[in-house]
N, C-alpha and C. Protein backbone atom coordinates (compact mmCIF):
# COMPACT_ATOMS: atom_id res chain seq x y z
N MET A 1 6.07 -1.95 -11.20
CA MET A 1 4.65 -2.20 -10.90
C MET A 1 3.84 -2.46 -12.23
N SER A 2 3.18 -3.62 -12.25
CA SER A 2 2.41 -3.88 -13.44
C SER A 2 0.95 -3.98 -13.21
N THR A 3 0.19 -3.81 -14.29
CA THR A 3 -1.30 -3.82 -14.13
C THR A 3 -1.71 -5.20 -14.59
N GLN A 4 -2.58 -5.84 -13.79
CA GLN A 4 -3.06 -7.20 -14.02
C GLN A 4 -4.60 -7.10 -13.95
N GLN A 5 -5.28 -7.89 -14.78
CA GLN A 5 -6.70 -7.97 -14.72
C GLN A 5 -7.11 -9.39 -14.39
N PHE A 6 -8.15 -9.54 -13.62
CA PHE A 6 -8.73 -10.74 -13.22
C PHE A 6 -10.24 -10.69 -13.44
N GLN A 7 -10.76 -11.81 -14.01
CA GLN A 7 -12.23 -12.02 -14.03
C GLN A 7 -12.66 -12.71 -12.75
N VAL A 8 -13.42 -12.04 -11.98
CA VAL A 8 -13.77 -12.59 -10.63
C VAL A 8 -15.24 -12.79 -10.54
N GLN A 9 -15.67 -13.99 -10.32
CA GLN A 9 -17.11 -14.41 -10.25
C GLN A 9 -17.48 -14.36 -8.75
N GLY A 10 -18.73 -13.91 -8.54
CA GLY A 10 -19.26 -13.98 -7.13
C GLY A 10 -19.35 -12.67 -6.48
N MET A 11 -18.85 -11.60 -7.04
CA MET A 11 -18.96 -10.31 -6.35
C MET A 11 -20.36 -9.73 -6.72
N THR A 12 -21.18 -9.59 -5.64
CA THR A 12 -22.54 -9.18 -5.79
C THR A 12 -22.93 -7.91 -5.14
N CYS A 13 -21.97 -7.43 -4.27
CA CYS A 13 -22.31 -6.17 -3.48
C CYS A 13 -21.06 -5.43 -3.17
N GLY A 14 -21.26 -4.28 -2.52
CA GLY A 14 -20.09 -3.45 -2.14
C GLY A 14 -19.28 -4.16 -1.07
N HIS A 15 -19.87 -4.99 -0.21
CA HIS A 15 -19.09 -5.74 0.77
C HIS A 15 -18.12 -6.71 0.04
N CYS A 16 -18.61 -7.34 -1.04
CA CYS A 16 -17.80 -8.24 -1.84
C CYS A 16 -16.60 -7.53 -2.37
N GLU A 17 -16.83 -6.31 -2.89
CA GLU A 17 -15.70 -5.51 -3.48
C GLU A 17 -14.74 -5.16 -2.34
N LYS A 18 -15.20 -4.84 -1.13
CA LYS A 18 -14.26 -4.57 -0.09
C LYS A 18 -13.43 -5.70 0.31
N ALA A 19 -14.08 -6.91 0.32
CA ALA A 19 -13.36 -8.16 0.68
C ALA A 19 -12.28 -8.49 -0.29
N VAL A 20 -12.56 -8.29 -1.55
CA VAL A 20 -11.52 -8.55 -2.58
C VAL A 20 -10.43 -7.53 -2.41
N GLN A 21 -10.79 -6.29 -2.29
CA GLN A 21 -9.76 -5.25 -2.12
C GLN A 21 -8.85 -5.53 -0.92
N ALA A 22 -9.46 -5.90 0.14
CA ALA A 22 -8.71 -6.25 1.42
C ALA A 22 -7.85 -7.47 1.21
N ALA A 23 -8.25 -8.47 0.52
CA ALA A 23 -7.51 -9.66 0.25
C ALA A 23 -6.21 -9.22 -0.59
N ILE A 24 -6.38 -8.47 -1.57
CA ILE A 24 -5.38 -8.01 -2.41
C ILE A 24 -4.38 -7.22 -1.59
N ARG A 25 -4.81 -6.34 -0.79
CA ARG A 25 -3.96 -5.42 0.03
C ARG A 25 -3.26 -6.17 1.11
N GLN A 26 -3.69 -7.36 1.48
CA GLN A 26 -2.95 -8.23 2.47
C GLN A 26 -1.66 -8.67 1.76
N VAL A 27 -1.78 -8.94 0.50
CA VAL A 27 -0.65 -9.43 -0.23
C VAL A 27 0.31 -8.26 -0.60
N ASP A 28 -0.30 -7.16 -0.96
CA ASP A 28 0.50 -5.94 -1.40
C ASP A 28 -0.28 -4.69 -0.88
N PRO A 29 0.08 -4.18 0.30
CA PRO A 29 -0.49 -2.99 0.88
C PRO A 29 -0.52 -1.75 -0.03
N GLN A 30 0.43 -1.72 -1.01
CA GLN A 30 0.55 -0.57 -1.90
C GLN A 30 -0.29 -0.73 -3.14
N ALA A 31 -0.87 -1.85 -3.35
CA ALA A 31 -1.63 -2.17 -4.57
C ALA A 31 -2.76 -1.15 -4.81
N GLU A 32 -2.93 -0.80 -6.06
CA GLU A 32 -4.06 0.02 -6.48
C GLU A 32 -5.03 -0.93 -7.12
N VAL A 33 -6.31 -0.87 -6.56
CA VAL A 33 -7.37 -1.87 -7.05
C VAL A 33 -8.51 -1.06 -7.60
N ARG A 34 -8.93 -1.45 -8.81
CA ARG A 34 -10.17 -0.97 -9.40
C ARG A 34 -11.02 -2.07 -9.74
N ILE A 35 -12.26 -1.95 -9.34
CA ILE A 35 -13.32 -3.07 -9.49
C ILE A 35 -14.51 -2.53 -10.40
N ASP A 36 -14.77 -3.33 -11.35
CA ASP A 36 -16.01 -3.00 -12.16
C ASP A 36 -16.87 -4.30 -11.98
N ARG A 37 -17.73 -4.18 -10.94
CA ARG A 37 -18.55 -5.34 -10.57
C ARG A 37 -19.47 -5.76 -11.71
N ALA A 38 -20.01 -4.86 -12.48
CA ALA A 38 -20.96 -5.13 -13.59
C ALA A 38 -20.26 -6.15 -14.57
N SER A 39 -18.97 -5.98 -14.79
CA SER A 39 -18.32 -6.86 -15.74
C SER A 39 -17.45 -7.90 -15.09
N ASN A 40 -17.55 -7.98 -13.80
CA ASN A 40 -16.76 -8.92 -12.94
C ASN A 40 -15.20 -8.74 -13.09
N LEU A 41 -14.78 -7.49 -13.35
CA LEU A 41 -13.46 -7.23 -13.65
C LEU A 41 -12.76 -6.58 -12.42
N VAL A 42 -11.55 -7.11 -12.09
CA VAL A 42 -10.72 -6.55 -11.06
C VAL A 42 -9.41 -6.20 -11.67
N GLU A 43 -9.02 -4.94 -11.63
CA GLU A 43 -7.73 -4.47 -12.17
C GLU A 43 -6.87 -4.10 -11.04
N VAL A 44 -5.61 -4.61 -11.08
CA VAL A 44 -4.74 -4.43 -9.95
C VAL A 44 -3.41 -3.92 -10.46
N GLN A 45 -2.88 -2.86 -9.89
CA GLN A 45 -1.51 -2.38 -10.13
C GLN A 45 -0.75 -2.81 -8.88
N SER A 46 0.25 -3.71 -9.13
CA SER A 46 0.95 -4.31 -8.06
C SER A 46 2.35 -4.84 -8.49
N THR A 47 3.21 -4.95 -7.56
CA THR A 47 4.55 -5.49 -7.80
C THR A 47 4.53 -7.03 -7.53
N GLN A 48 3.41 -7.52 -6.92
CA GLN A 48 3.33 -8.88 -6.59
C GLN A 48 2.98 -9.87 -7.80
N ASP A 49 3.33 -11.12 -7.61
CA ASP A 49 3.08 -12.10 -8.63
C ASP A 49 1.59 -12.26 -8.82
N ARG A 50 1.22 -12.42 -10.06
CA ARG A 50 -0.20 -12.64 -10.44
C ARG A 50 -0.84 -13.76 -9.69
N GLU A 51 -0.16 -14.88 -9.53
CA GLU A 51 -0.73 -16.05 -8.91
C GLU A 51 -0.97 -15.81 -7.41
N LYS A 52 -0.13 -15.09 -6.76
CA LYS A 52 -0.28 -14.66 -5.34
C LYS A 52 -1.58 -13.85 -5.18
N LEU A 53 -1.78 -12.89 -6.08
CA LEU A 53 -3.00 -12.06 -5.98
C LEU A 53 -4.20 -12.88 -6.28
N ALA A 54 -4.17 -13.76 -7.30
CA ALA A 54 -5.32 -14.61 -7.60
C ALA A 54 -5.61 -15.52 -6.37
N GLU A 55 -4.67 -16.07 -5.79
CA GLU A 55 -4.89 -16.97 -4.68
C GLU A 55 -5.55 -16.24 -3.40
N ALA A 56 -5.10 -15.00 -3.29
CA ALA A 56 -5.64 -14.23 -2.16
C ALA A 56 -7.14 -13.99 -2.46
N ILE A 57 -7.56 -13.66 -3.69
CA ILE A 57 -8.93 -13.53 -4.05
C ILE A 57 -9.72 -14.88 -3.85
N ARG A 58 -9.16 -15.92 -4.24
CA ARG A 58 -9.74 -17.28 -4.16
C ARG A 58 -9.95 -17.58 -2.62
N GLU A 59 -9.02 -17.20 -1.82
CA GLU A 59 -9.15 -17.57 -0.40
C GLU A 59 -10.30 -16.77 0.24
N GLU A 60 -10.69 -15.69 -0.34
CA GLU A 60 -11.91 -14.99 0.17
C GLU A 60 -13.18 -15.68 -0.35
N GLY A 61 -13.10 -16.72 -1.14
CA GLY A 61 -14.32 -17.41 -1.64
C GLY A 61 -14.77 -17.06 -3.02
N TYR A 62 -14.06 -16.34 -3.78
CA TYR A 62 -14.44 -15.95 -5.08
C TYR A 62 -13.73 -16.84 -6.10
N THR A 63 -14.31 -16.93 -7.39
CA THR A 63 -13.68 -17.68 -8.38
C THR A 63 -12.97 -16.74 -9.32
N VAL A 64 -11.71 -17.02 -9.56
CA VAL A 64 -10.95 -16.26 -10.54
C VAL A 64 -10.78 -17.00 -11.82
N ALA A 65 -11.28 -16.45 -12.86
CA ALA A 65 -11.27 -17.11 -14.20
C ALA A 65 -9.87 -16.96 -14.79
C-alpha cells in the first residue's frame, strides 16, 4: 500500500469531500482517504494505480492537478 497525494480543484464543501471519498472507494474499498479542503489536498493510501484513482476523481467532476 502506498500513499499518494493529489491536488484537487473544485472541492468547496463537505458534500464535495464525500463525493471524492466515494469515488476513490469505488476503485479501492480499502483505501484510506484524508482530505484537506483548505489546501485542495487529497491524500490516499491505496494499492491501486495512481492514474485509476485520479480518473475516479475526474469522473466526479473535479480537476486533478
